[in-house]
Amino acid sequence: NLMGVIPLIQFPVASHIAFPAVLA
């Protein structure tokens, strides 16, 4: 989640549904 607010990265991994889906 914090990847979404880190400068230059700014992309939360969990915003791609496949990642939370596989974990859940």
PDB file of all heavy atoms in Angstrom:
ATOM      1  N   ASN A   1       0.816  -1.213   0.000  1.00  0.00           N
ATOM      2  CA  ASN A   1       0.000   0.000   0.000  1.00  0.00           C
ATOM      3  C   ASN A   1       0.852   1.267   0.000  1.00  0.00           C
ATOM      4  O   ASN A   1       0.545   2.232  -0.712  1.00  0.00           O
ATOM      5  CB  ASN A   1      -0.930   0.002   1.219  1.00  0.00           C
ATOM      6  CG  ASN A   1      -1.920  -1.152   1.200  1.00  0.00           C
ATOM      7  OD1 ASN A   1      -2.113  -1.800   0.171  1.00  0.00           O
ATOM      8  ND2 ASN A   1      -2.545  -1.419   2.324  1.00  0.00           N
ATOM      9  N   LEU A   2       1.910   1.264   0.812  1.00  0.00           N
ATOM     10  CA  LEU A   2       2.749   2.462   0.920  1.00  0.00           C
ATOM     11  C   LEU A   2       3.488   2.778  -0.366  1.00  0.00           C
ATOM     12  O   LEU A   2       3.941   3.908  -0.554  1.00  0.00           O
ATOM     13  CB  LEU A   2       3.753   2.297   2.070  1.00  0.00           C
ATOM     14  CG  LEU A   2       3.162   2.356   3.483  1.00  0.00           C
ATOM     15  CD1 LEU A   2       4.237   2.052   4.515  1.00  0.00           C
ATOM     16  CD2 LEU A   2       2.521   3.715   3.755  1.00  0.00           C
ATOM     17  N   MET A   3       3.605   1.800  -1.248  1.00  0.00           N
ATOM     18  CA  MET A   3       4.212   2.076  -2.547  1.00  0.00           C
ATOM     19  C   MET A   3       3.459   3.181  -3.293  1.00  0.00           C
ATOM     20  O   MET A   3       4.011   3.851  -4.163  1.00  0.00           O
ATOM     21  CB  MET A   3       4.233   0.809  -3.409  1.00  0.00           C
ATOM     22  CG  MET A   3       5.182  -0.272  -2.935  1.00  0.00           C
ATOM     23  SD  MET A   3       6.909   0.202  -3.122  1.00  0.00           S
ATOM     24  CE  MET A   3       7.726  -1.291  -2.516  1.00  0.00           C
ATOM     25  N   GLY A   4       2.204   3.385  -2.939  1.00  0.00           N
ATOM     26  CA  GLY A   4       1.392   4.388  -3.617  1.00  0.00           C
ATOM     27  C   GLY A   4       1.730   5.819  -3.251  1.00  0.00           C
ATOM     28  O   GLY A   4       1.336   6.754  -3.968  1.00  0.00           O
ATOM     29  N   VAL A   5       2.449   6.037  -2.137  1.00  0.00           N
ATOM     30  CA  VAL A   5       2.773   7.402  -1.726  1.00  0.00           C
ATOM     31  C   VAL A   5       4.283   7.644  -1.686  1.00  0.00           C
ATOM     32  O   VAL A   5       4.715   8.733  -1.317  1.00  0.00           O
ATOM     33  CB  VAL A   5       2.167   7.730  -0.344  1.00  0.00           C
ATOM     34  CG1 VAL A   5       0.645   7.715  -0.415  1.00  0.00           C
ATOM     35  CG2 VAL A   5       2.659   6.761   0.731  1.00  0.00           C
ATOM     36  N   ILE A   6       5.085   6.652  -2.049  1.00  0.00           N
ATOM     37  CA  ILE A   6       6.537   6.849  -2.102  1.00  0.00           C
ATOM     38  C   ILE A   6       6.885   7.606  -3.385  1.00  0.00           C
ATOM     39  O   ILE A   6       6.487   7.170  -4.474  1.00  0.00           O
ATOM     40  CB  ILE A   6       7.278   5.499  -2.059  1.00  0.00           C
ATOM     41  CG1 ILE A   6       7.014   4.799  -0.722  1.00  0.00           C
ATOM     42  CG2 ILE A   6       8.777   5.697  -2.265  1.00  0.00           C
ATOM     43  CD1 ILE A   6       7.638   3.419  -0.628  1.00  0.00           C
ATOM     44  N   PRO A   7       7.573   8.735  -3.292  1.00  0.00           N
ATOM     45  CA  PRO A   7       7.911   9.517  -4.496  1.00  0.00           C
ATOM     46  C   PRO A   7       8.637   8.676  -5.537  1.00  0.00           C
ATOM     47  O   PRO A   7       9.440   7.797  -5.217  1.00  0.00           O
ATOM     48  CB  PRO A   7       8.818  10.626  -3.938  1.00  0.00           C
ATOM     49  CG  PRO A   7       8.408  10.762  -2.507  1.00  0.00           C
ATOM     50  CD  PRO A   7       8.043   9.379  -2.057  1.00  0.00           C
ATOM     51  N   LEU A   8       8.324   8.943  -6.784  1.00  0.00           N
ATOM     52  CA  LEU A   8       8.875   8.290  -7.972  1.00  0.00           C
ATOM     53  C   LEU A   8       8.316   6.885  -8.208  1.00  0.00           C
ATOM     54  O   LEU A   8       8.339   6.395  -9.335  1.00  0.00           O
ATOM     55  CB  LEU A   8      10.410   8.224  -7.917  1.00  0.00           C
ATOM     56  CG  LEU A   8      11.135   9.571  -7.787  1.00  0.00           C
ATOM     57  CD1 LEU A   8      12.646   9.350  -7.737  1.00  0.00           C
ATOM     58  CD2 LEU A   8      10.758  10.513  -8.910  1.00  0.00           C
ATOM     59  N   ILE A   9       7.846   6.231  -7.165  1.00  0.00           N
ATOM     60  CA  ILE A   9       7.222   4.911  -7.332  1.00  0.00           C
ATOM     61  C   ILE A   9       5.732   5.092  -7.539  1.00  0.00           C
ATOM     62  O   ILE A   9       5.171   4.770  -8.572  1.00  0.00           O
ATOM     63  CB  ILE A   9       7.501   4.004  -6.122  1.00  0.00           C
ATOM     64  CG1 ILE A   9       8.994   3.730  -5.997  1.00  0.00           C
ATOM     65  CG2 ILE A   9       6.727   2.698  -6.255  1.00  0.00           C
ATOM     66  CD1 ILE A   9       9.381   2.890  -4.795  1.00  0.00           C
ATOM     67  N   GLN A  10       5.066   5.590  -6.517  1.00  0.00           N
ATOM     68  CA  GLN A  10       3.674   6.042  -6.569  1.00  0.00           C
ATOM     69  C   GLN A  10       2.736   5.070  -7.294  1.00  0.00           C
ATOM     70  O   GLN A  10       2.006   5.445  -8.198  1.00  0.00           O
ATOM     71  CB  GLN A  10       3.597   7.432  -7.226  1.00  0.00           C
ATOM     72  CG  GLN A  10       4.307   8.486  -6.395  1.00  0.00           C
ATOM     73  CD  GLN A  10       4.405   9.816  -7.088  1.00  0.00           C
ATOM     74  OE1 GLN A  10       4.823   9.898  -8.243  1.00  0.00           O
ATOM     75  NE2 GLN A  10       4.014  10.882  -6.405  1.00  0.00           N
ATOM     76  N   PHE A  11       2.781   3.829  -6.834  1.00  0.00           N
ATOM     77  CA  PHE A  11       1.861   2.826  -7.383  1.00  0.00           C
ATOM     78  C   PHE A  11       1.604   1.759  -6.327  1.00  0.00           C
ATOM     79  O   PHE A  11       2.490   0.957  -6.028  1.00  0.00           O
ATOM     80  CB  PHE A  11       2.424   2.185  -8.652  1.00  0.00           C
ATOM     81  CG  PHE A  11       1.403   1.373  -9.394  1.00  0.00           C
ATOM     82  CD1 PHE A  11       0.690   1.935 -10.443  1.00  0.00           C
ATOM     83  CD2 PHE A  11       1.127   0.059  -9.030  1.00  0.00           C
ATOM     84  CE1 PHE A  11      -0.273   1.193 -11.122  1.00  0.00           C
ATOM     85  CE2 PHE A  11       0.181  -0.682  -9.693  1.00  0.00           C
ATOM     86  CZ  PHE A  11      -0.525  -0.123 -10.742  1.00  0.00           C
ATOM     87  N   PRO A  12       0.407   1.747  -5.731  1.00  0.00           N
ATOM     88  CA  PRO A  12       0.102   0.716  -4.735  1.00  0.00           C
ATOM     89  C   PRO A  12      -0.101  -0.644  -5.399  1.00  0.00           C
ATOM     90  O   PRO A  12      -0.935  -0.786  -6.292  1.00  0.00           O
ATOM     91  CB  PRO A  12      -1.201   1.223  -4.093  1.00  0.00           C
ATOM     92  CG  PRO A  12      -1.822   2.088  -5.139  1.00  0.00           C
ATOM     93  CD  PRO A  12      -0.707   2.689  -5.924  1.00  0.00           C
ATOM     94  N   VAL A  13       0.663  -1.619  -4.986  1.00  0.00           N
ATOM     95  CA  VAL A  13       0.594  -2.951  -5.599  1.00  0.00           C
ATOM     96  C   VAL A  13      -0.819  -3.528  -5.506  1.00  0.00           C
ATOM     97  O   VAL A  13      -1.308  -4.164  -6.435  1.00  0.00           O
ATOM     98  CB  VAL A  13       1.608  -3.895  -4.925  1.00  0.00           C
ATOM     99  CG1 VAL A  13       1.492  -5.309  -5.484  1.00  0.00           C
ATOM    100  CG2 VAL A  13       3.028  -3.369  -5.107  1.00  0.00           C
ATOM    101  N   ALA A  14      -1.487  -3.292  -4.372  1.00  0.00           N
ATOM    102  CA  ALA A  14      -2.819  -3.861  -4.160  1.00  0.00           C
ATOM    103  C   ALA A  14      -3.884  -3.246  -5.051  1.00  0.00           C
ATOM    104  O   ALA A  14      -5.025  -3.725  -5.063  1.00  0.00           O
ATOM    105  CB  ALA A  14      -3.224  -3.718  -2.692  1.00  0.00           C
ATOM    106  N   SER A  15      -3.559  -2.174  -5.801  1.00  0.00           N
ATOM    107  CA  SER A  15      -4.530  -1.611  -6.731  1.00  0.00           C
ATOM    108  C   SER A  15      -4.681  -2.470  -7.980  1.00  0.00           C
ATOM    109  O   SER A  15      -5.552  -2.214  -8.804  1.00  0.00           O
ATOM    110  CB  SER A  15      -4.144  -0.176  -7.121  1.00  0.00           C
ATOM    111  OG  SER A  15      -2.926  -0.169  -7.846  1.00  0.00           O
ATOM    112  N   HIS A  16      -3.817  -3.473  -8.147  1.00  0.00           N
ATOM    113  CA  HIS A  16      -3.997  -4.518  -9.155  1.00  0.00           C
ATOM    114  C   HIS A  16      -4.650  -5.702  -8.451  1.00  0.00           C
ATOM    115  O   HIS A  16      -4.044  -6.312  -7.567  1.00  0.00           O
ATOM    116  CB  HIS A  16      -2.659  -4.916  -9.773  1.00  0.00           C
ATOM    117  CG  HIS A  16      -2.401  -4.247 -11.086  1.00  0.00           C
ATOM    118  ND1 HIS A  16      -1.965  -4.913 -12.197  1.00  0.00           N
ATOM    119  CD2 HIS A  16      -2.549  -2.958 -11.470  1.00  0.00           C
ATOM    120  CE1 HIS A  16      -1.838  -4.080 -13.214  1.00  0.00           C
ATOM    121  NE2 HIS A  16      -2.176  -2.874 -12.791  1.00  0.00           N
ATOM    122  N   ILE A  17      -5.848  -6.046  -8.839  1.00  0.00           N
ATOM    123  CA  ILE A  17      -6.662  -6.990  -8.080  1.00  0.00           C
ATOM    124  C   ILE A  17      -6.026  -8.366  -7.960  1.00  0.00           C
ATOM    125  O   ILE A  17      -6.300  -9.100  -7.004  1.00  0.00           O
ATOM    126  CB  ILE A  17      -8.076  -7.090  -8.709  1.00  0.00           C
ATOM    127  CG1 ILE A  17      -9.049  -7.748  -7.716  1.00  0.00           C
ATOM    128  CG2 ILE A  17      -8.022  -7.830 -10.040  1.00  0.00           C
ATOM    129  CD1 ILE A  17     -10.496  -7.635  -8.147  1.00  0.00           C
ATOM    130  N   ALA A  18      -5.163  -8.746  -8.894  1.00  0.00           N
ATOM    131  CA  ALA A  18      -4.574 -10.087  -8.859  1.00  0.00           C
ATOM    132  C   ALA A  18      -3.760 -10.319  -7.588  1.00  0.00           C
ATOM    133  O   ALA A  18      -3.779 -11.425  -7.029  1.00  0.00           O
ATOM    134  CB  ALA A  18      -3.690 -10.312 -10.086  1.00  0.00           C
ATOM    135  N   PHE A  19      -3.075  -9.294  -7.091  1.00  0.00           N
ATOM    136  CA  PHE A  19      -2.187  -9.476  -5.941  1.00  0.00           C
ATOM    137  C   PHE A  19      -2.969  -9.730  -4.650  1.00  0.00           C
ATOM    138  O   PHE A  19      -2.708 -10.730  -3.972  1.00  0.00           O
ATOM    139  CB  PHE A  19      -1.249  -8.277  -5.810  1.00  0.00           C
ATOM    140  CG  PHE A  19      -0.272  -8.171  -6.947  1.00  0.00           C
ATOM    141  CD1 PHE A  19      -0.532  -7.361  -8.038  1.00  0.00           C
ATOM    142  CD2 PHE A  19       0.900  -8.912  -6.938  1.00  0.00           C
ATOM    143  CE1 PHE A  19       0.353  -7.282  -9.099  1.00  0.00           C
ATOM    144  CE2 PHE A  19       1.800  -8.832  -7.995  1.00  0.00           C
ATOM    145  CZ  PHE A  19       1.518  -8.017  -9.081  1.00  0.00           C
ATOM    146  N   PRO A  20      -3.907  -8.871  -4.262  1.00  0.00           N
ATOM    147  CA  PRO A  20      -4.697  -9.207  -3.068  1.00  0.00           C
ATOM    148  C   PRO A  20      -5.544 -10.453  -3.257  1.00  0.00           C
ATOM    149  O   PRO A  20      -5.796 -11.178  -2.293  1.00  0.00           O
ATOM    150  CB  PRO A  20      -5.563  -7.963  -2.847  1.00  0.00           C
ATOM    151  CG  PRO A  20      -5.578  -7.247  -4.148  1.00  0.00           C
ATOM    152  CD  PRO A  20      -4.263  -7.543  -4.798  1.00  0.00           C
ATOM    153  N   ALA A  21      -5.978 -10.742  -4.491  1.00  0.00           N
ATOM    154  CA  ALA A  21      -6.804 -11.929  -4.738  1.00  0.00           C
ATOM    155  C   ALA A  21      -6.008 -13.200  -4.460  1.00  0.00           C
ATOM    156  O   ALA A  21      -6.498 -14.108  -3.769  1.00  0.00           O
ATOM    157  CB  ALA A  21      -7.323 -11.929  -6.174  1.00  0.00           C
ATOM    158  N   VAL A  22      -4.793 -13.288  -4.976  1.00  0.00           N
ATOM    159  CA  VAL A  22      -3.957 -14.477  -4.760  1.00  0.00           C
ATOM    160  C   VAL A  22      -3.661 -14.653  -3.276  1.00  0.00           C
ATOM    161  O   VAL A  22      -3.729 -15.772  -2.742  1.00  0.00           O
ATOM    162  CB  VAL A  22      -2.650 -14.381  -5.571  1.00  0.00           C
ATOM    163  CG1 VAL A  22      -1.666 -15.467  -5.156  1.00  0.00           C
ATOM    164  CG2 VAL A  22      -2.955 -14.497  -7.062  1.00  0.00           C
ATOM    165  N   LEU A  23      -3.352 -13.561  -2.580  1.00  0.00           N
ATOM    166  CA  LEU A  23      -3.043 -13.645  -1.155  1.00  0.00           C
ATOM    167  C   LEU A  23      -4.270 -14.072  -0.356  1.00  0.00           C
ATOM    168  O   LEU A  23      -4.181 -14.940   0.525  1.00  0.00           O
ATOM    169  CB  LEU A  23      -2.529 -12.288  -0.657  1.00  0.00           C
ATOM    170  CG  LEU A  23      -1.975 -12.248   0.768  1.00  0.00           C
ATOM    171  CD1 LEU A  23      -0.869 -13.285   0.949  1.00  0.00           C
ATOM    172  CD2 LEU A  23      -1.452 -10.856   1.093  1.00  0.00           C
ATOM    173  N   ALA A  24      -5.430 -13.488  -0.664  1.00  0.00           N
ATOM    174  CA  ALA A  24      -6.654 -13.834   0.060  1.00  0.00           C
ATOM    175  C   ALA A  24      -7.077 -15.277  -0.212  1.00  0.00           C
ATOM    176  O   ALA A  24      -7.504 -15.992   0.708  1.00  0.00           O
ATOM    177  CB  ALA A  24      -7.781 -12.873  -0.329  1.00  0.00           C
TER     178      ALA A  24
END
